[in-house]
Protein backbone atom coordinates (compact mmCIF):
# COMPACT_ATOMS: atom_id res chain seq x y z
CA UNK A 1 81.44 21.53 137.39
CA UNK A 2 78.06 22.66 138.60
CA UNK A 3 74.84 20.79 137.69
CA UNK A 4 72.21 23.25 136.28
CA UNK A 5 68.85 22.85 137.90
CA UNK A 6 65.52 24.57 137.07
CA UNK A 7 62.68 24.52 139.52
CA UNK A 8 59.17 25.03 138.10
CA UNK A 9 56.12 25.91 140.13
CA UNK A 10 52.56 25.82 138.86
CA UNK A 11 50.40 27.98 141.34
CA UNK A 12 46.85 27.27 141.16
CA UNK A 13 43.84 28.66 143.15
CA UNK A 14 43.13 25.44 144.76
CA UNK A 15 46.06 23.14 144.10
CA UNK A 16 49.71 23.70 142.89
CA UNK A 17 52.52 21.52 141.65
CA UNK A 18 56.20 21.73 141.71
CA UNK A 19 58.99 19.98 139.94
CA UNK A 20 62.63 20.16 139.07
CA UNK A 21 64.38 19.89 135.58
CA UNK A 22 67.93 18.34 135.64
CA UNK A 23 69.76 15.92 133.47
CA UNK A 24 67.41 16.77 130.48
CA UNK A 25 64.53 15.31 132.50
CA UNK A 26 61.66 16.96 134.26
CA UNK A 27 60.43 15.48 137.59
CA UNK A 28 57.20 16.46 139.38
CA UNK A 29 57.54 16.38 143.16
CA UNK A 30 55.24 13.88 144.98
CA UNK A 31 54.48 13.31 148.69
CA UNK A 32 54.72 9.98 150.55
CA UNK A 33 51.50 8.87 149.07
CA UNK A 34 52.43 9.59 145.50
CA UNK A 35 50.36 12.60 145.14
CA UNK A 36 51.79 15.25 142.89
CA UNK A 37 49.50 18.24 143.55
CA UNK A 38 49.27 20.08 146.99
CA UNK A 39 46.66 22.44 148.38
CA UNK A 40 47.43 26.09 147.83
CA UNK A 41 47.44 26.93 151.53
CA UNK A 42 50.03 28.51 153.63
CA UNK A 43 49.46 28.84 157.44
CA UNK A 44 51.46 31.00 159.83
CA UNK A 45 51.23 29.58 163.41
CA UNK A 46 52.10 31.82 166.21
CA UNK A 47 54.98 29.46 167.06
CA UNK A 48 57.29 27.71 164.77
CA UNK A 49 57.72 27.66 160.84
CA UNK A 50 54.86 28.32 158.32
CA UNK A 51 53.06 25.25 157.01
CA UNK A 52 52.24 24.52 153.46
CA UNK A 53 50.11 22.23 151.47
CA UNK A 54 48.13 19.44 153.24
CA UNK A 55 49.54 20.60 156.72
CA UNK A 56 48.21 24.14 156.13
CA UNK A 57 45.04 22.89 155.05
CA UNK A 58 44.61 20.98 158.39
CA UNK A 59 45.80 24.13 160.26
CA UNK A 60 42.90 26.17 158.87
CA UNK A 61 40.43 24.59 161.36
CA UNK A 62 42.68 25.81 164.27
CA UNK A 63 43.57 29.25 163.14
CA UNK A 64 41.71 30.45 160.02
CA UNK A 65 42.80 34.11 160.26
CA UNK A 66 46.50 33.10 160.01
CA UNK A 67 45.96 30.86 156.84
CA UNK A 68 46.12 32.20 153.38
CA UNK A 69 44.25 30.30 150.62
CA UNK A 70 42.22 31.19 147.47
CA UNK A 71 43.84 34.30 146.37
CA UNK A 72 41.99 36.12 143.62
């Protein structure tokens, strides 16, 4: 039998959150420090995979032209 999962994403201009609904409970994802909101940044380095959240926020200082944030 398959477990039903629902993923929810709240996209904000500055911060976003994500969580999962399973076993009749909703759990918001948190990082290692316990923070459950992530900067709404995505960076596309010339090599490797895209970075998101805090990693992308730190990347903007290295390559602002390949970092997306504050979409209106």
